[in-house]
Amino acid sequence: MGEFVEWHADFSVGNSSIDEQHKGLFELVNQMWDSRKESEKKKRVLFKGIVKALRTHCHDEERILAKNGCPSLKEHRHEHHNLIKQIEEILDSCDKDCKKSWYKMMGFLMHELLAHHLVGTDQACRKYLRS
């Protein structure tokens, strides 16, 4: 059986470092999917790893966008801030109801992170993300 979500070359932004991070985020979504039957403790560890990876990615991407003079940097930073805020809220909610938080995390990862941000917003900035 294949991966839950798969990286495609069409998603590349032309920067090997950012592309590797994006591939890593796709892999974390697959790990999240695979964790659906795991213990709450394992889910929390994975949630924390996703938050850490997203923070690192956002920081690196913003640095590159700034260096390359991206005119929508302010909006991009704002979107990153909102993504991190949302994912941290989901992580915090895991203490109350980890199963419900798992569903929220999957929805967030699929819609907000992959479909909207990585495949949408980041693609619109590819010119400024190229190495």
N, C-alpha and C. Protein backbone atom coordinates (compact mmCIF):
# COMPACT_ATOMS: atom_id res chain seq x y z
N MET A 1 0.85 -1.18 0.00
CA MET A 1 0.00 0.00 0.00
C MET A 1 0.89 1.24 0.00
N GLY A 2 0.51 2.25 -0.75
CA GLY A 2 1.30 3.47 -0.88
C GLY A 2 1.15 4.38 0.32
N GLU A 3 1.82 5.50 0.21
CA GLU A 3 1.75 6.52 1.26
C GLU A 3 0.36 7.16 1.28
N PHE A 4 -0.01 7.72 2.40
CA PHE A 4 -1.28 8.44 2.52
C PHE A 4 -1.27 9.67 1.63
N VAL A 5 -0.18 10.45 1.71
CA VAL A 5 0.03 11.59 0.81
C VAL A 5 1.41 11.43 0.19
N GLU A 6 1.53 11.81 -1.05
CA GLU A 6 2.80 11.65 -1.75
C GLU A 6 3.30 12.99 -2.29
N TRP A 7 4.60 13.17 -2.17
CA TRP A 7 5.27 14.33 -2.74
C TRP A 7 5.36 14.11 -4.25
N HIS A 8 5.13 15.17 -5.01
CA HIS A 8 5.29 15.13 -6.46
C HIS A 8 6.26 16.23 -6.87
N ALA A 9 7.00 15.97 -7.90
CA ALA A 9 7.98 16.95 -8.39
C ALA A 9 7.32 18.29 -8.72
N ASP A 10 6.04 18.28 -9.07
CA ASP A 10 5.33 19.53 -9.36
C ASP A 10 5.27 20.46 -8.15
N PHE A 11 5.47 19.91 -6.96
CA PHE A 11 5.41 20.71 -5.74
C PHE A 11 6.73 21.44 -5.47
N SER A 12 7.76 21.13 -6.22
CA SER A 12 9.07 21.73 -6.00
C SER A 12 9.02 23.24 -6.19
N VAL A 13 9.74 23.95 -5.31
CA VAL A 13 9.86 25.41 -5.45
C VAL A 13 11.22 25.80 -6.03
N GLY A 14 12.05 24.81 -6.32
CA GLY A 14 13.34 25.10 -6.95
C GLY A 14 14.46 25.40 -5.97
N ASN A 15 14.23 25.13 -4.70
CA ASN A 15 15.26 25.33 -3.68
C ASN A 15 15.40 23.98 -2.97
N SER A 16 16.55 23.35 -3.10
CA SER A 16 16.70 21.99 -2.58
C SER A 16 16.46 21.90 -1.08
N SER A 17 16.89 22.89 -0.33
CA SER A 17 16.69 22.87 1.12
C SER A 17 15.21 22.96 1.48
N ILE A 18 14.50 23.89 0.86
CA ILE A 18 13.07 24.06 1.14
C ILE A 18 12.29 22.86 0.62
N ASP A 19 12.67 22.37 -0.56
CA ASP A 19 11.99 21.17 -1.09
C ASP A 19 12.17 19.98 -0.15
N GLU A 20 13.35 19.81 0.42
CA GLU A 20 13.57 18.71 1.37
C GLU A 20 12.72 18.89 2.62
N GLN A 21 12.59 20.14 3.08
CA GLN A 21 11.73 20.39 4.24
C GLN A 21 10.27 20.08 3.89
N HIS A 22 9.84 20.50 2.71
CA HIS A 22 8.47 20.21 2.28
C HIS A 22 8.25 18.71 2.21
N LYS A 23 9.20 17.97 1.64
CA LYS A 23 9.10 16.51 1.59
C LYS A 23 9.00 15.94 3.00
N GLY A 24 9.79 16.51 3.91
CA GLY A 24 9.75 16.07 5.30
C GLY A 24 8.40 16.31 5.94
N LEU A 25 7.76 17.43 5.61
CA LEU A 25 6.43 17.72 6.14
C LEU A 25 5.40 16.74 5.57
N PHE A 26 5.54 16.38 4.30
CA PHE A 26 4.67 15.35 3.73
C PHE A 26 4.86 14.04 4.49
N GLU A 27 6.11 13.71 4.78
CA GLU A 27 6.39 12.47 5.51
C GLU A 27 5.79 12.52 6.92
N LEU A 28 5.84 13.67 7.57
CA LEU A 28 5.23 13.81 8.89
C LEU A 28 3.72 13.61 8.82
N VAL A 29 3.09 14.07 7.74
CA VAL A 29 1.66 13.82 7.56
C VAL A 29 1.41 12.32 7.46
N ASN A 30 2.27 11.62 6.73
CA ASN A 30 2.14 10.16 6.64
C ASN A 30 2.33 9.50 8.00
N GLN A 31 3.29 9.97 8.77
CA GLN A 31 3.51 9.44 10.11
C GLN A 31 2.29 9.72 10.99
N MET A 32 1.72 10.90 10.82
CA MET A 32 0.52 11.27 11.59
C MET A 32 -0.61 10.30 11.25
N TRP A 33 -0.80 10.04 9.98
CA TRP A 33 -1.84 9.11 9.56
C TRP A 33 -1.60 7.73 10.18
N ASP A 34 -0.36 7.28 10.11
CA ASP A 34 -0.02 5.97 10.65
C ASP A 34 -0.18 5.89 12.17
N SER A 35 -0.17 7.03 12.84
CA SER A 35 -0.25 7.06 14.30
C SER A 35 -1.68 6.95 14.83
N ARG A 36 -2.65 6.86 13.96
CA ARG A 36 -4.04 6.92 14.40
C ARG A 36 -4.41 5.88 15.46
N LYS A 37 -3.70 4.76 15.49
CA LYS A 37 -4.00 3.71 16.47
C LYS A 37 -2.94 3.63 17.57
N GLU A 38 -2.05 4.59 17.59
CA GLU A 38 -0.98 4.61 18.59
C GLU A 38 -1.49 5.19 19.91
N SER A 39 -0.67 5.10 20.93
CA SER A 39 -1.03 5.64 22.24
C SER A 39 -1.02 7.17 22.21
N GLU A 40 -1.70 7.75 23.19
CA GLU A 40 -1.72 9.21 23.31
C GLU A 40 -0.30 9.75 23.48
N LYS A 41 0.52 9.04 24.21
CA LYS A 41 1.89 9.48 24.44
C LYS A 41 2.65 9.58 23.12
N LYS A 42 2.53 8.57 22.28
CA LYS A 42 3.21 8.58 20.99
C LYS A 42 2.67 9.68 20.09
N LYS A 43 1.37 9.91 20.15
CA LYS A 43 0.76 11.00 19.36
C LYS A 43 1.30 12.35 19.80
N ARG A 44 1.40 12.57 21.12
CA ARG A 44 1.93 13.84 21.62
C ARG A 44 3.36 14.07 21.14
N VAL A 45 4.18 13.03 21.18
CA VAL A 45 5.56 13.15 20.71
C VAL A 45 5.57 13.54 19.23
N LEU A 46 4.73 12.91 18.45
CA LEU A 46 4.65 13.23 17.02
C LEU A 46 4.14 14.66 16.82
N PHE A 47 3.10 15.06 17.55
CA PHE A 47 2.59 16.43 17.47
C PHE A 47 3.73 17.42 17.71
N LYS A 48 4.50 17.18 18.78
CA LYS A 48 5.60 18.10 19.12
C LYS A 48 6.65 18.13 18.01
N GLY A 49 6.92 16.99 17.40
CA GLY A 49 7.87 16.94 16.29
C GLY A 49 7.38 17.72 15.09
N ILE A 50 6.10 17.67 14.83
CA ILE A 50 5.52 18.42 13.71
C ILE A 50 5.61 19.91 13.99
N VAL A 51 5.30 20.32 15.20
CA VAL A 51 5.39 21.74 15.56
C VAL A 51 6.84 22.23 15.38
N LYS A 52 7.79 21.45 15.86
CA LYS A 52 9.20 21.84 15.74
C LYS A 52 9.62 21.94 14.26
N ALA A 53 9.24 20.96 13.46
CA ALA A 53 9.59 20.97 12.04
C ALA A 53 8.96 22.17 11.33
N LEU A 54 7.72 22.49 11.68
CA LEU A 54 7.05 23.62 11.04
C LEU A 54 7.71 24.94 11.43
N ARG A 55 8.07 25.10 12.70
CA ARG A 55 8.75 26.33 13.13
C ARG A 55 10.06 26.51 12.37
N THR A 56 10.86 25.45 12.29
CA THR A 56 12.14 25.51 11.58
C THR A 56 11.92 25.86 10.12
N HIS A 57 10.96 25.20 9.51
CA HIS A 57 10.68 25.44 8.10
C HIS A 57 10.27 26.90 7.86
N CYS A 58 9.36 27.40 8.67
CA CYS A 58 8.90 28.78 8.50
C CYS A 58 10.05 29.76 8.64
N HIS A 59 10.89 29.56 9.63
CA HIS A 59 12.04 30.44 9.84
C HIS A 59 12.96 30.43 8.61
N ASP A 60 13.29 29.25 8.14
CA ASP A 60 14.20 29.13 6.99
C ASP A 60 13.59 29.74 5.73
N GLU A 61 12.33 29.47 5.52
CA GLU A 61 11.65 29.99 4.33
C GLU A 61 11.59 31.51 4.36
N GLU A 62 11.26 32.08 5.50
CA GLU A 62 11.19 33.54 5.62
C GLU A 62 12.55 34.19 5.38
N ARG A 63 13.59 33.55 5.86
CA ARG A 63 14.95 34.06 5.64
C ARG A 63 15.27 34.12 4.15
N ILE A 64 14.93 33.07 3.43
CA ILE A 64 15.20 33.02 1.99
C ILE A 64 14.33 34.04 1.26
N LEU A 65 13.07 34.13 1.61
CA LEU A 65 12.19 35.11 0.97
C LEU A 65 12.69 36.53 1.20
N ALA A 66 13.15 36.82 2.40
CA ALA A 66 13.69 38.15 2.71
C ALA A 66 14.94 38.43 1.89
N LYS A 67 15.83 37.45 1.85
CA LYS A 67 17.09 37.60 1.10
C LYS A 67 16.83 37.86 -0.39
N ASN A 68 15.76 37.26 -0.93
CA ASN A 68 15.46 37.40 -2.35
C ASN A 68 14.44 38.49 -2.66
N GLY A 69 14.10 39.30 -1.65
CA GLY A 69 13.23 40.46 -1.88
C GLY A 69 11.80 40.15 -2.25
N CYS A 70 11.23 39.14 -1.64
CA CYS A 70 9.84 38.76 -1.94
C CYS A 70 8.89 39.88 -1.52
N PRO A 71 8.10 40.41 -2.45
CA PRO A 71 7.20 41.52 -2.10
C PRO A 71 6.05 41.12 -1.17
N SER A 72 5.73 39.83 -1.09
CA SER A 72 4.63 39.38 -0.21
C SER A 72 5.16 38.78 1.09
N LEU A 73 6.40 39.13 1.46
CA LEU A 73 7.01 38.57 2.67
C LEU A 73 6.16 38.83 3.92
N LYS A 74 5.65 40.02 4.06
CA LYS A 74 4.86 40.37 5.24
C LYS A 74 3.64 39.44 5.36
N GLU A 75 2.95 39.24 4.26
CA GLU A 75 1.78 38.36 4.25
C GLU A 75 2.18 36.91 4.51
N HIS A 76 3.31 36.52 3.94
CA HIS A 76 3.81 35.15 4.13
C HIS A 76 4.15 34.91 5.61
N ARG A 77 4.81 35.88 6.21
CA ARG A 77 5.13 35.77 7.65
C ARG A 77 3.86 35.66 8.48
N HIS A 78 2.88 36.47 8.11
CA HIS A 78 1.60 36.46 8.83
C HIS A 78 0.95 35.08 8.71
N GLU A 79 0.98 34.51 7.51
CA GLU A 79 0.40 33.17 7.31
C GLU A 79 1.16 32.14 8.13
N HIS A 80 2.50 32.24 8.15
CA HIS A 80 3.30 31.32 8.98
C HIS A 80 2.92 31.46 10.45
N HIS A 81 2.81 32.68 10.91
CA HIS A 81 2.43 32.94 12.31
C HIS A 81 1.10 32.25 12.63
N ASN A 82 0.13 32.39 11.73
CA ASN A 82 -1.18 31.77 11.95
C ASN A 82 -1.11 30.25 11.93
N LEU A 83 -0.30 29.70 11.03
CA LEU A 83 -0.14 28.24 10.98
C LEU A 83 0.44 27.72 12.29
N ILE A 84 1.47 28.38 12.78
CA ILE A 84 2.11 27.94 14.02
C ILE A 84 1.15 28.10 15.21
N LYS A 85 0.42 29.19 15.22
CA LYS A 85 -0.56 29.39 16.30
C LYS A 85 -1.61 28.28 16.29
N GLN A 86 -2.12 27.95 15.11
CA GLN A 86 -3.14 26.89 15.00
C GLN A 86 -2.59 25.54 15.46
N ILE A 87 -1.39 25.22 15.01
CA ILE A 87 -0.83 23.91 15.33
C ILE A 87 -0.50 23.82 16.83
N GLU A 88 -0.07 24.92 17.43
CA GLU A 88 0.20 24.92 18.87
C GLU A 88 -1.10 24.75 19.67
N GLU A 89 -2.19 25.35 19.19
CA GLU A 89 -3.49 25.18 19.86
C GLU A 89 -3.94 23.72 19.81
N ILE A 90 -3.69 23.08 18.67
CA ILE A 90 -4.05 21.66 18.55
C ILE A 90 -3.19 20.84 19.51
N LEU A 91 -1.91 21.14 19.57
CA LEU A 91 -1.02 20.43 20.50
C LEU A 91 -1.50 20.61 21.93
N ASP A 92 -1.86 21.83 22.31
CA ASP A 92 -2.35 22.09 23.66
C ASP A 92 -3.64 21.33 23.96
N SER A 93 -4.50 21.18 22.95
CA SER A 93 -5.78 20.50 23.17
C SER A 93 -5.62 18.99 23.34
N CYS A 94 -4.46 18.48 23.00
CA CYS A 94 -4.21 17.04 23.10
C CYS A 94 -4.31 16.55 24.53
N ASP A 95 -4.00 17.40 25.49
CA ASP A 95 -4.08 17.00 26.90
C ASP A 95 -5.52 16.72 27.33
N LYS A 96 -6.48 17.40 26.69
CA LYS A 96 -7.89 17.22 27.06
C LYS A 96 -8.52 16.04 26.34
N ASP A 97 -8.27 15.93 25.04
CA ASP A 97 -8.89 14.87 24.24
C ASP A 97 -7.98 14.58 23.05
N CYS A 98 -7.05 13.68 23.25
CA CYS A 98 -6.02 13.41 22.23
C CYS A 98 -6.63 12.84 20.95
N LYS A 99 -7.67 12.03 21.08
CA LYS A 99 -8.29 11.46 19.88
C LYS A 99 -8.91 12.56 19.02
N LYS A 100 -9.63 13.46 19.64
CA LYS A 100 -10.23 14.58 18.92
C LYS A 100 -9.12 15.47 18.34
N SER A 101 -8.06 15.68 19.10
CA SER A 101 -6.93 16.48 18.63
C SER A 101 -6.26 15.85 17.42
N TRP A 102 -6.21 14.50 17.39
CA TRP A 102 -5.62 13.81 16.24
C TRP A 102 -6.39 14.17 14.97
N TYR A 103 -7.72 14.16 15.05
CA TYR A 103 -8.55 14.50 13.89
C TYR A 103 -8.34 15.96 13.49
N LYS A 104 -8.26 16.83 14.49
CA LYS A 104 -8.00 18.24 14.19
C LYS A 104 -6.64 18.41 13.51
N MET A 105 -5.64 17.68 14.02
CA MET A 105 -4.31 17.78 13.45
C MET A 105 -4.30 17.28 12.01
N MET A 106 -4.95 16.17 11.73
CA MET A 106 -5.01 15.66 10.36
C MET A 106 -5.69 16.66 9.43
N GLY A 107 -6.78 17.24 9.89
CA GLY A 107 -7.48 18.25 9.08
C GLY A 107 -6.60 19.45 8.81
N PHE A 108 -5.92 19.91 9.86
CA PHE A 108 -5.01 21.05 9.73
C PHE A 108 -3.89 20.74 8.74
N LEU A 109 -3.26 19.58 8.92
CA LEU A 109 -2.13 19.21 8.06
C LEU A 109 -2.55 19.09 6.60
N MET A 110 -3.67 18.44 6.36
CA MET A 110 -4.11 18.22 4.98
C MET A 110 -4.59 19.51 4.32
N HIS A 111 -5.41 20.26 5.01
CA HIS A 111 -6.01 21.45 4.39
C HIS A 111 -5.12 22.68 4.50
N GLU A 112 -4.80 23.05 5.71
CA GLU A 112 -4.07 24.31 5.91
C GLU A 112 -2.61 24.22 5.47
N LEU A 113 -1.92 23.17 5.90
CA LEU A 113 -0.49 23.09 5.63
C LEU A 113 -0.20 22.62 4.20
N LEU A 114 -0.68 21.43 3.84
CA LEU A 114 -0.33 20.90 2.52
C LEU A 114 -1.07 21.61 1.39
N ALA A 115 -2.39 21.54 1.40
CA ALA A 115 -3.17 22.06 0.26
C ALA A 115 -3.08 23.58 0.14
N HIS A 116 -3.26 24.28 1.23
CA HIS A 116 -3.29 25.74 1.14
C HIS A 116 -1.89 26.35 1.11
N HIS A 117 -1.06 25.98 2.07
CA HIS A 117 0.23 26.66 2.19
C HIS A 117 1.32 26.10 1.27
N LEU A 118 1.66 24.84 1.41
CA LEU A 118 2.78 24.29 0.64
C LEU A 118 2.49 24.25 -0.86
N VAL A 119 1.29 23.82 -1.22
CA VAL A 119 0.97 23.68 -2.63
C VAL A 119 0.37 24.98 -3.19
N GLY A 120 -0.09 25.86 -2.33
CA GLY A 120 -0.69 27.12 -2.77
C GLY A 120 0.24 28.32 -2.59
N THR A 121 0.33 28.80 -1.37
CA THR A 121 1.09 30.02 -1.07
C THR A 121 2.56 29.90 -1.46
N ASP A 122 3.19 28.78 -1.10
CA ASP A 122 4.61 28.63 -1.42
C ASP A 122 4.85 28.56 -2.92
N GLN A 123 3.94 27.95 -3.65
CA GLN A 123 4.09 27.89 -5.10
C GLN A 123 4.02 29.28 -5.72
N ALA A 124 3.19 30.15 -5.14
CA ALA A 124 3.07 31.52 -5.63
C ALA A 124 4.36 32.31 -5.41
N CYS A 125 5.20 31.84 -4.48
CA CYS A 125 6.46 32.53 -4.16
C CYS A 125 7.69 31.81 -4.71
N ARG A 126 7.51 30.83 -5.56
CA ARG A 126 8.65 30.02 -6.02
C ARG A 126 9.78 30.87 -6.58
N LYS A 127 9.44 31.91 -7.28
CA LYS A 127 10.45 32.79 -7.87
C LYS A 127 11.42 33.33 -6.81
N TYR A 128 10.90 33.53 -5.60
CA TYR A 128 11.70 34.10 -4.52
C TYR A 128 12.29 33.04 -3.59
N LEU A 129 11.97 31.78 -3.85
CA LEU A 129 12.50 30.69 -3.03
C LEU A 129 13.62 29.92 -3.73
N ARG A 130 13.78 30.17 -4.99
CA ARG A 130 14.81 29.44 -5.75
C ARG A 130 16.19 29.69 -5.16
N SER A 131 17.03 28.68 -5.23
CA SER A 131 18.38 28.79 -4.67
C SER A 131 19.21 29.72 -5.52
